[in-house]
Structures are given as C-alpha cells and as structure tokens.
Amino acid sequence: ISVKSIEIRRGEVIATLLIRAEDEPMCAKPAVKIT
C-alpha cells in the first residue's frame, strides 16, 4: 500500500492510506484513498 501521512490529533493516531479496491489484483497500483 502507500502511507500518505500520519498525525496525532487529540490523542488519536490518524493514518491516510492509498489501498486497492477489493476486486483489484495485488499488482495494481494503490489508488483508493482512505483515512
């Protein structure tokens, strides 16, 4: 995957990631952004 950012805010650890869609193969470039 790709880790775009991490931060600590009010005691929470927040990670912004790029992952693949469930139907995409592992060779696909991760492009689905989640937090």
Full PDB file with SEQRES, HELIX, SHEET, SSBOND, CRYST1, ORIGX, SCALE, CONECT and MASTER records, all heavy atoms in Angstrom:
SEQRES   1 A   35  ILE SER VAL LYS SER ILE GLU ILE ARG ARG GLY GLU VAL          
SEQRES   2 A   35  ILE ALA THR LEU LEU ILE ARG ALA GLU ASP GLU PRO MET          
SEQRES   3 A   35  CYS ALA LYS PRO ALA VAL LYS ILE THR                          
SHEET    1 AA1 3 SER A   2  ARG A   9  0                                        
SHEET    2 AA1 3 GLU A  12  ILE A  19 -1                                        
SHEET    3 AA1 3 VAL A  32  ILE A  34 -1                                        
CRYST1    1.000    1.000    1.000  90.00  90.00  90.00 P 1           1          
ORIGX1      1.000000  0.000000  0.000000        0.00000                         
ORIGX2      0.000000  1.000000  0.000000        0.00000                         
ORIGX3      0.000000  0.000000  1.000000        0.00000                         
SCALE1      1.000000  0.000000  0.000000        0.00000                         
SCALE2      0.000000  1.000000  0.000000        0.00000                         
SCALE3      0.000000  0.000000  1.000000        0.00000                         
ATOM      1  N   ILE A   1       0.856  -1.178   0.000  1.00  0.00           N  
ATOM      2  CA  ILE A   1       0.000   0.000   0.000  1.00  0.00           C  
ATOM      3  C   ILE A   1       0.898   1.237   0.000  1.00  0.00           C  
ATOM      4  O   ILE A   1       2.119   1.133  -0.130  1.00  0.00           O  
ATOM      5  CB  ILE A   1      -0.931   0.015   1.221  1.00  0.00           C  
ATOM      6  CG1 ILE A   1      -0.101   0.099   2.519  1.00  0.00           C  
ATOM      7  CG2 ILE A   1      -1.832  -1.213   1.237  1.00  0.00           C  
ATOM      8  CD1 ILE A   1      -0.915   0.327   3.759  1.00  0.00           C  
ATOM      9  N   SER A   2       0.305   2.402   0.160  1.00  0.00           N  
ATOM     10  CA  SER A   2       1.071   3.645   0.278  1.00  0.00           C  
ATOM     11  C   SER A   2       0.544   4.430   1.472  1.00  0.00           C  
ATOM     12  O   SER A   2      -0.666   4.653   1.585  1.00  0.00           O  
ATOM     13  CB  SER A   2       0.930   4.486  -1.001  1.00  0.00           C  
ATOM     14  OG  SER A   2       1.602   5.722  -0.867  1.00  0.00           O  
ATOM     15  N   VAL A   3       1.448   4.790   2.369  1.00  0.00           N  
ATOM     16  CA  VAL A   3       1.078   5.610   3.522  1.00  0.00           C  
ATOM     17  C   VAL A   3       1.358   7.066   3.168  1.00  0.00           C  
ATOM     18  O   VAL A   3       2.511   7.470   3.031  1.00  0.00           O  
ATOM     19  CB  VAL A   3       1.869   5.196   4.776  1.00  0.00           C  
ATOM     20  CG1 VAL A   3       1.450   6.057   5.968  1.00  0.00           C  
ATOM     21  CG2 VAL A   3       1.657   3.716   5.082  1.00  0.00           C  
ATOM     22  N   LYS A   4       0.307   7.851   3.005  1.00  0.00           N  
ATOM     23  CA  LYS A   4       0.460   9.246   2.585  1.00  0.00           C  
ATOM     24  C   LYS A   4       0.799  10.163   3.749  1.00  0.00           C  
ATOM     25  O   LYS A   4       1.566  11.109   3.602  1.00  0.00           O  
ATOM     26  CB  LYS A   4      -0.812   9.736   1.895  1.00  0.00           C  
ATOM     27  CG  LYS A   4      -1.239   8.898   0.694  1.00  0.00           C  
ATOM     28  CD  LYS A   4      -0.149   8.794  -0.355  1.00  0.00           C  
ATOM     29  CE  LYS A   4       0.146  10.103  -1.025  1.00  0.00           C  
ATOM     30  NZ  LYS A   4       1.195   9.980  -2.070  1.00  0.00           N  
ATOM     31  N   SER A   5       0.218   9.900   4.921  1.00  0.00           N  
ATOM     32  CA  SER A   5       0.503  10.759   6.075  1.00  0.00           C  
ATOM     33  C   SER A   5       0.070  10.066   7.350  1.00  0.00           C  
ATOM     34  O   SER A   5      -0.797   9.183   7.341  1.00  0.00           O  
ATOM     35  CB  SER A   5      -0.219  12.105   5.951  1.00  0.00           C  
ATOM     36  OG  SER A   5      -1.629  11.932   6.033  1.00  0.00           O  
ATOM     37  N   ILE A   6       0.697  10.460   8.458  1.00  0.00           N  
ATOM     38  CA  ILE A   6       0.253  10.059   9.789  1.00  0.00           C  
ATOM     39  C   ILE A   6       0.292  11.298  10.674  1.00  0.00           C  
ATOM     40  O   ILE A   6       1.152  12.164  10.499  1.00  0.00           O  
ATOM     41  CB  ILE A   6       1.113   8.929  10.399  1.00  0.00           C  
ATOM     42  CG1 ILE A   6       2.608   9.295  10.368  1.00  0.00           C  
ATOM     43  CG2 ILE A   6       0.863   7.621   9.719  1.00  0.00           C  
ATOM     44  CD1 ILE A   6       3.472   8.303  11.092  1.00  0.00           C  
ATOM     45  N   GLU A   7      -0.633  11.377  11.602  1.00  0.00           N  
ATOM     46  CA  GLU A   7      -0.666  12.509  12.526  1.00  0.00           C  
ATOM     47  C   GLU A   7      -1.298  12.068  13.844  1.00  0.00           C  
ATOM     48  O   GLU A   7      -1.983  11.041  13.915  1.00  0.00           O  
ATOM     49  CB  GLU A   7      -1.432  13.690  11.933  1.00  0.00           C  
ATOM     50  CG  GLU A   7      -2.871  13.397  11.585  1.00  0.00           C  
ATOM     51  CD  GLU A   7      -3.587  14.605  11.010  1.00  0.00           C  
ATOM     52  OE1 GLU A   7      -3.460  15.705  11.606  1.00  0.00           O  
ATOM     53  OE2 GLU A   7      -4.268  14.464   9.982  1.00  0.00           O  
ATOM     54  N   ILE A   8      -1.030  12.849  14.873  1.00  0.00           N  
ATOM     55  CA  ILE A   8      -1.622  12.620  16.186  1.00  0.00           C  
ATOM     56  C   ILE A   8      -2.468  13.833  16.510  1.00  0.00           C  
ATOM     57  O   ILE A   8      -1.968  14.964  16.533  1.00  0.00           O  
ATOM     58  CB  ILE A   8      -0.544  12.409  17.260  1.00  0.00           C  
ATOM     59  CG1 ILE A   8       0.275  11.149  16.932  1.00  0.00           C  
ATOM     60  CG2 ILE A   8      -1.166  12.294  18.647  1.00  0.00           C  
ATOM     61  CD1 ILE A   8       1.498  10.984  17.805  1.00  0.00           C  
ATOM     62  N   ARG A   9      -3.767  13.581  16.744  1.00  0.00           N  
ATOM     63  CA  ARG A   9      -4.693  14.687  16.976  1.00  0.00           C  
ATOM     64  C   ARG A   9      -5.631  14.331  18.125  1.00  0.00           C  
ATOM     65  O   ARG A   9      -6.374  13.354  18.029  1.00  0.00           O  
ATOM     66  CB  ARG A   9      -5.496  14.961  15.705  1.00  0.00           C  
ATOM     67  CG  ARG A   9      -6.389  16.190  15.756  1.00  0.00           C  
ATOM     68  CD  ARG A   9      -7.324  16.211  14.571  1.00  0.00           C  
ATOM     69  NE  ARG A   9      -6.612  16.055  13.302  1.00  0.00           N  
ATOM     70  CZ  ARG A   9      -7.205  15.653  12.181  1.00  0.00           C  
ATOM     71  NH1 ARG A   9      -8.501  15.350  12.179  1.00  0.00           N  
ATOM     72  NH2 ARG A   9      -6.495  15.550  11.062  1.00  0.00           N  
ATOM     73  N   ARG A  10      -5.536  15.093  19.218  1.00  0.00           N  
ATOM     74  CA  ARG A  10      -6.386  14.877  20.389  1.00  0.00           C  
ATOM     75  C   ARG A  10      -6.328  13.431  20.879  1.00  0.00           C  
ATOM     76  O   ARG A  10      -7.338  12.818  21.197  1.00  0.00           O  
ATOM     77  CB  ARG A  10      -7.832  15.284  20.085  1.00  0.00           C  
ATOM     78  CG  ARG A  10      -8.012  16.773  19.800  1.00  0.00           C  
ATOM     79  CD  ARG A  10      -9.477  17.142  19.688  1.00  0.00           C  
ATOM     80  NE  ARG A  10     -10.114  16.463  18.583  1.00  0.00           N  
ATOM     81  CZ  ARG A  10     -10.098  16.906  17.328  1.00  0.00           C  
ATOM     82  NH1 ARG A  10      -9.480  18.030  17.022  1.00  0.00           N  
ATOM     83  NH2 ARG A  10     -10.714  16.236  16.385  1.00  0.00           N  
ATOM     84  N   GLY A  11      -5.130  12.876  20.925  1.00  0.00           N  
ATOM     85  CA  GLY A  11      -4.949  11.519  21.421  1.00  0.00           C  
ATOM     86  C   GLY A  11      -5.193  10.430  20.408  1.00  0.00           C  
ATOM     87  O   GLY A  11      -4.947   9.252  20.691  1.00  0.00           O  
ATOM     88  N   GLU A  12      -5.683  10.778  19.220  1.00  0.00           N  
ATOM     89  CA  GLU A  12      -5.915   9.786  18.180  1.00  0.00           C  
ATOM     90  C   GLU A  12      -4.750   9.753  17.195  1.00  0.00           C  
ATOM     91  O   GLU A  12      -4.146  10.784  16.891  1.00  0.00           O  
ATOM     92  CB  GLU A  12      -7.206  10.092  17.422  1.00  0.00           C  
ATOM     93  CG  GLU A  12      -8.468   9.963  18.246  1.00  0.00           C  
ATOM     94  CD  GLU A  12      -9.718  10.216  17.431  1.00  0.00           C  
ATOM     95  OE1 GLU A  12      -9.587  10.550  16.228  1.00  0.00           O  
ATOM     96  OE2 GLU A  12     -10.820  10.092  17.993  1.00  0.00           O  
ATOM     97  N   VAL A  13      -4.441   8.565  16.706  1.00  0.00           N  
ATOM     98  CA  VAL A  13      -3.433   8.396  15.658  1.00  0.00           C  
ATOM     99  C   VAL A  13      -4.181   8.231  14.343  1.00  0.00           C  
ATOM    100  O   VAL A  13      -4.985   7.300  14.188  1.00  0.00           O  
ATOM    101  CB  VAL A  13      -2.546   7.175  15.924  1.00  0.00           C  
ATOM    102  CG1 VAL A  13      -1.480   7.054  14.844  1.00  0.00           C  
ATOM    103  CG2 VAL A  13      -1.889   7.273  17.299  1.00  0.00           C  
ATOM    104  N   ILE A  14      -3.936   9.134  13.412  1.00  0.00           N  
ATOM    105  CA  ILE A  14      -4.688   9.171  12.152  1.00  0.00           C  
ATOM    106  C   ILE A  14      -3.751   8.873  10.995  1.00  0.00           C  
ATOM    107  O   ILE A  14      -2.714   9.529  10.829  1.00  0.00           O  
ATOM    108  CB  ILE A  14      -5.368  10.529  11.964  1.00  0.00           C  
ATOM    109  CG1 ILE A  14      -6.303  10.810  13.153  1.00  0.00           C  
ATOM    110  CG2 ILE A  14      -6.144  10.575  10.653  1.00  0.00           C  
ATOM    111  CD1 ILE A  14      -6.837  12.218  13.194  1.00  0.00           C  
ATOM    112  N   ALA A  15      -4.094   7.868  10.208  1.00  0.00           N  
ATOM    113  CA  ALA A  15      -3.274   7.464   9.057  1.00  0.00           C  
ATOM    114  C   ALA A  15      -4.088   7.611   7.773  1.00  0.00           C  
ATOM    115  O   ALA A  15      -5.230   7.143   7.693  1.00  0.00           O  
ATOM    116  CB  ALA A  15      -2.799   6.027   9.218  1.00  0.00           C  
ATOM    117  N   THR A  16      -3.502   8.267   6.788  1.00  0.00           N  
ATOM    118  CA  THR A  16      -4.113   8.386   5.468  1.00  0.00           C  
ATOM    119  C   THR A  16      -3.372   7.452   4.522  1.00  0.00           C  
ATOM    120  O   THR A  16      -2.150   7.550   4.367  1.00  0.00           O  
ATOM    121  CB  THR A  16      -4.047   9.830   4.945  1.00  0.00           C  
ATOM    122  OG1 THR A  16      -4.729  10.694   5.874  1.00  0.00           O  
ATOM    123  CG2 THR A  16      -4.708   9.947   3.584  1.00  0.00           C  
ATOM    124  N   LEU A  17      -4.126   6.533   3.891  1.00  0.00           N  
ATOM    125  CA  LEU A  17      -3.523   5.466   3.095  1.00  0.00           C  
ATOM    126  C   LEU A  17      -4.086   5.452   1.683  1.00  0.00           C  
ATOM    127  O   LEU A  17      -5.192   5.929   1.433  1.00  0.00           O  
ATOM    128  CB  LEU A  17      -3.802   4.100   3.738  1.00  0.00           C  
ATOM    129  CG  LEU A  17      -3.612   3.958   5.248  1.00  0.00           C  
ATOM    130  CD1 LEU A  17      -4.139   2.602   5.702  1.00  0.00           C  
ATOM    131  CD2 LEU A  17      -2.149   4.119   5.618  1.00  0.00           C  
ATOM    132  N   LEU A  18      -3.306   4.895   0.780  1.00  0.00           N  
ATOM    133  CA  LEU A  18      -3.794   4.531  -0.545  1.00  0.00           C  
ATOM    134  C   LEU A  18      -3.783   3.011  -0.620  1.00  0.00           C  
ATOM    135  O   LEU A  18      -2.744   2.373  -0.413  1.00  0.00           O  
ATOM    136  CB  LEU A  18      -2.912   5.111  -1.654  1.00  0.00           C  
ATOM    137  CG  LEU A  18      -2.934   6.626  -1.846  1.00  0.00           C  
ATOM    138  CD1 LEU A  18      -2.016   7.033  -2.996  1.00  0.00           C  
ATOM    139  CD2 LEU A  18      -4.348   7.138  -2.104  1.00  0.00           C  
ATOM    140  N   ILE A  19      -4.959   2.416  -0.905  1.00  0.00           N  
ATOM    141  CA  ILE A  19      -5.077   0.965  -0.998  1.00  0.00           C  
ATOM    142  C   ILE A  19      -5.703   0.600  -2.348  1.00  0.00           C  
ATOM    143  O   ILE A  19      -6.016   1.493  -3.154  1.00  0.00           O  
ATOM    144  CB  ILE A  19      -5.932   0.404   0.153  1.00  0.00           C  
ATOM    145  CG1 ILE A  19      -7.364   0.940   0.061  1.00  0.00           C  
ATOM    146  CG2 ILE A  19      -5.314   0.780   1.501  1.00  0.00           C  
ATOM    147  CD1 ILE A  19      -8.327   0.307   1.053  1.00  0.00           C  
ATOM    148  N   ARG A  20      -5.928  -0.689  -2.582  1.00  0.00           N  
ATOM    149  CA  ARG A  20      -6.589  -1.142  -3.806  1.00  0.00           C  
ATOM    150  C   ARG A  20      -8.052  -1.453  -3.521  1.00  0.00           C  
ATOM    151  O   ARG A  20      -8.410  -1.757  -2.381  1.00  0.00           O  
ATOM    152  CB  ARG A  20      -5.905  -2.411  -4.338  1.00  0.00           C  
ATOM    153  CG  ARG A  20      -4.475  -2.214  -4.744  1.00  0.00           C  
ATOM    154  CD  ARG A  20      -3.792  -3.556  -4.992  1.00  0.00           C  
ATOM    155  NE  ARG A  20      -2.356  -3.376  -4.966  1.00  0.00           N  
ATOM    156  CZ  ARG A  20      -1.633  -3.318  -3.867  1.00  0.00           C  
ATOM    157  NH1 ARG A  20      -2.224  -3.449  -2.683  1.00  0.00           N  
ATOM    158  NH2 ARG A  20      -0.328  -3.148  -3.933  1.00  0.00           N  
ATOM    159  N   ALA A  21      -8.837  -1.412  -4.575  1.00  0.00           N  
ATOM    160  CA  ALA A  21     -10.219  -1.875  -4.453  1.00  0.00           C  
ATOM    161  C   ALA A  21     -10.207  -3.382  -4.227  1.00  0.00           C  
ATOM    162  O   ALA A  21      -9.236  -4.067  -4.574  1.00  0.00           O  
ATOM    163  CB  ALA A  21     -11.013  -1.521  -5.702  1.00  0.00           C  
ATOM    164  N   GLU A  22     -11.269  -3.914  -3.644  1.00  0.00           N  
ATOM    165  CA  GLU A  22     -11.309  -5.336  -3.296  1.00  0.00           C  
ATOM    166  C   GLU A  22     -11.168  -6.239  -4.505  1.00  0.00           C  
ATOM    167  O   GLU A  22     -10.643  -7.357  -4.391  1.00  0.00           O  
ATOM    168  CB  GLU A  22     -12.613  -5.646  -2.559  1.00  0.00           C  
ATOM    169  CG  GLU A  22     -12.704  -5.006  -1.174  1.00  0.00           C  
ATOM    170  CD  GLU A  22     -13.953  -5.427  -0.440  1.00  0.00           C  
ATOM    171  OE1 GLU A  22     -14.743  -6.211  -1.018  1.00  0.00           O  
ATOM    172  OE2 GLU A  22     -14.140  -4.981   0.708  1.00  0.00           O  
ATOM    173  N   ASP A  23     -11.612  -5.802  -5.657  1.00  0.00           N  
ATOM    174  CA  ASP A  23     -11.551  -6.648  -6.851  1.00  0.00           C  
ATOM    175  C   ASP A  23     -10.285  -6.416  -7.676  1.00  0.00           C  
ATOM    176  O   ASP A  23     -10.153  -6.980  -8.761  1.00  0.00           O  
ATOM    177  CB  ASP A  23     -12.790  -6.414  -7.718  1.00  0.00           C  
ATOM    178  CG  ASP A  23     -12.929  -4.951  -8.154  1.00  0.00           C  
ATOM    179  OD1 ASP A  23     -12.211  -4.094  -7.584  1.00  0.00           O  
ATOM    180  OD2 ASP A  23     -13.740  -4.673  -9.050  1.00  0.00           O  
ATOM    181  N   GLU A  24      -9.357  -5.608  -7.190  1.00  0.00           N  
ATOM    182  CA  GLU A  24      -8.125  -5.338  -7.934  1.00  0.00           C  
ATOM    183  C   GLU A  24      -7.036  -6.328  -7.545  1.00  0.00           C  
ATOM    184  O   GLU A  24      -6.936  -6.741  -6.379  1.00  0.00           O  
ATOM    185  CB  GLU A  24      -7.637  -3.915  -7.661  1.00  0.00           C  
ATOM    186  CG  GLU A  24      -8.473  -2.838  -8.296  1.00  0.00           C  
ATOM    187  CD  GLU A  24      -7.864  -1.455  -8.108  1.00  0.00           C  
ATOM    188  OE1 GLU A  24      -7.531  -1.099  -6.955  1.00  0.00           O  
ATOM    189  OE2 GLU A  24      -7.715  -0.742  -9.117  1.00  0.00           O  
ATOM    190  N   PRO A  25      -6.167  -6.701  -8.491  1.00  0.00           N  
ATOM    191  CA  PRO A  25      -5.061  -7.609  -8.168  1.00  0.00           C  
ATOM    192  C   PRO A  25      -3.966  -6.871  -7.392  1.00  0.00           C  
ATOM    193  O   PRO A  25      -3.906  -5.643  -7.392  1.00  0.00           O  
ATOM    194  CB  PRO A  25      -4.551  -8.045  -9.554  1.00  0.00           C  
ATOM    195  CG  PRO A  25      -4.901  -6.898 -10.452  1.00  0.00           C  
ATOM    196  CD  PRO A  25      -6.205  -6.359  -9.930  1.00  0.00           C  
ATOM    197  N   MET A  26      -3.085  -7.638  -6.747  1.00  0.00           N  
ATOM    198  CA  MET A  26      -2.022  -7.041  -5.951  1.00  0.00           C  
ATOM    199  C   MET A  26      -1.035  -6.264  -6.802  1.00  0.00           C  
ATOM    200  O   MET A  26      -0.322  -5.386  -6.298  1.00  0.00           O  
ATOM    201  CB  MET A  26      -1.288  -8.127  -5.171  1.00  0.00           C  
ATOM    202  CG  MET A  26      -2.105  -8.759  -4.062  1.00  0.00           C  
ATOM    203  SD  MET A  26      -2.671  -7.540  -2.835  1.00  0.00           S  
ATOM    204  CE  MET A  26      -1.118  -6.998  -2.142  1.00  0.00           C  
ATOM    205  N   CYS A  27      -0.977  -6.575  -8.110  1.00  0.00           N  
ATOM    206  CA  CYS A  27      -0.043  -5.858  -8.976  1.00  0.00           C  
ATOM    207  C   CYS A  27      -0.549  -4.462  -9.339  1.00  0.00           C  
ATOM    208  O   CYS A  27       0.198  -3.636  -9.873  1.00  0.00           O  
ATOM    209  CB  CYS A  27       0.225  -6.660 -10.243  1.00  0.00           C  
ATOM    210  SG  CYS A  27      -1.262  -6.993 -11.224  1.00  0.00           S  
ATOM    211  N   ALA A  28      -1.818  -4.170  -9.049  1.00  0.00           N  
ATOM    212  CA  ALA A  28      -2.383  -2.856  -9.360  1.00  0.00           C  
ATOM    213  C   ALA A  28      -1.823  -1.807  -8.410  1.00  0.00           C  
ATOM    214  O   ALA A  28      -1.577  -2.069  -7.233  1.00  0.00           O  
ATOM    215  CB  ALA A  28      -3.902  -2.896  -9.269  1.00  0.00           C  
ATOM    216  N   LYS A  29      -1.634  -0.600  -8.924  1.00  0.00           N  
ATOM    217  CA  LYS A  29      -1.135   0.492  -8.102  1.00  0.00           C  
ATOM    218  C   LYS A  29      -2.235   0.951  -7.140  1.00  0.00           C  
ATOM    219  O   LYS A  29      -3.370   1.193  -7.556  1.00  0.00           O  
ATOM    220  CB  LYS A  29      -0.706   1.658  -8.986  1.00  0.00           C  
ATOM    221  CG  LYS A  29      -0.120   2.828  -8.222  1.00  0.00           C  
ATOM    222  CD  LYS A  29       0.333   3.930  -9.170  1.00  0.00           C  
ATOM    223  CE  LYS A  29       0.913   5.098  -8.385  1.00  0.00           C  
ATOM    224  NZ  LYS A  29       1.361   6.197  -9.300  1.00  0.00           N  
ATOM    225  N   PRO A  30      -1.934   1.061  -5.853  1.00  0.00           N  
ATOM    226  CA  PRO A  30      -2.968   1.503  -4.908  1.00  0.00           C  
ATOM    227  C   PRO A  30      -3.393   2.939  -5.195  1.00  0.00           C  
ATOM    228  O   PRO A  30      -2.552   3.832  -5.286  1.00  0.00           O  
ATOM    229  CB  PRO A  30      -2.276   1.378  -3.544  1.00  0.00           C  
ATOM    230  CG  PRO A  30      -0.813   1.417  -3.837  1.00  0.00           C  
ATOM    231  CD  PRO A  30      -0.638   0.792  -5.180  1.00  0.00           C  
ATOM    232  N   ALA A  31      -4.701   3.157  -5.325  1.00  0.00           N  
ATOM    233  CA  ALA A  31      -5.198   4.491  -5.675  1.00  0.00           C  
ATOM    234  C   ALA A  31      -6.450   4.878  -4.911  1.00  0.00           C  
ATOM    235  O   ALA A  31      -6.969   5.988  -5.090  1.00  0.00           O  
ATOM    236  CB  ALA A  31      -5.475   4.563  -7.183  1.00  0.00           C  
ATOM    237  N   VAL A  32      -6.955   3.984  -4.038  1.00  0.00           N  
ATOM    238  CA  VAL A  32      -8.151   4.269  -3.265  1.00  0.00           C  
ATOM    239  C   VAL A  32      -7.717   4.897  -1.943  1.00  0.00           C  
ATOM    240  O   VAL A  32      -7.056   4.257  -1.121  1.00  0.00           O  
ATOM    241  CB  VAL A  32      -8.965   2.996  -3.005  1.00  0.00           C  
ATOM    242  CG1 VAL A  32     -10.207   3.324  -2.168  1.00  0.00           C  
ATOM    243  CG2 VAL A  32      -9.351   2.335  -4.317  1.00  0.00           C  
ATOM    244  N   LYS A  33      -8.101   6.151  -1.726  1.00  0.00           N  
ATOM    245  CA  LYS A  33      -7.674   6.884  -0.543  1.00  0.00           C  
ATOM    246  C   LYS A  33      -8.627   6.630   0.621  1.00  0.00           C  
ATOM    247  O   LYS A  33      -9.841   6.774   0.480  1.00  0.00           O  
ATOM    248  CB  LYS A  33      -7.609   8.385  -0.830  1.00  0.00           C  
ATOM    249  CG  LYS A  33      -7.074   9.227   0.313  1.00  0.00           C  
ATOM    250  CD  LYS A  33      -6.984  10.689  -0.096  1.00  0.00           C  
ATOM    251  CE  LYS A  33      -6.464  11.557   1.036  1.00  0.00           C  
ATOM    252  NZ  LYS A  33      -6.372  12.981   0.648  1.00  0.00           N  
ATOM    253  N   ILE A  34      -8.066   6.248   1.762  1.00  0.00           N  
ATOM    254  CA  ILE A  34      -8.866   6.072   2.973  1.00  0.00           C  
ATOM    255  C   ILE A  34      -8.139   6.727   4.144  1.00  0.00           C  
ATOM    256  O   ILE A  34      -6.915   6.906   4.112  1.00  0.00           O  
ATOM    257  CB  ILE A  34      -9.125   4.582   3.299  1.00  0.00           C  
ATOM    258  CG1 ILE A  34      -7.803   3.864   3.616  1.00  0.00           C  
ATOM    259  CG2 ILE A  34      -9.876   3.899   2.180  1.00  0.00           C  
ATOM    260  CD1 ILE A  34      -8.000   2.478   4.193  1.00  0.00           C  
ATOM    261  N   THR A  35      -8.894   7.091   5.160  1.00  0.00           N  
ATOM    262  CA  THR A  35      -8.320   7.635   6.392  1.00  0.00           C  
ATOM    263  C   THR A  35      -8.811   6.806   7.555  1.00  0.00           C  
ATOM    264  O   THR A  35     -10.020   6.570   7.689  1.00  0.00           O  
ATOM    265  CB  THR A  35      -8.725   9.104   6.594  1.00  0.00           C  
ATOM    266  OG1 THR A  35      -8.230   9.883   5.496  1.00  0.00           O  
ATOM    267  CG2 THR A  35      -8.139   9.646   7.892  1.00  0.00           C  
TER     268      THR A  35                                                      
MASTER        0    0    0    0    3    0    0    6  267    1    0    3          
END                                                                             
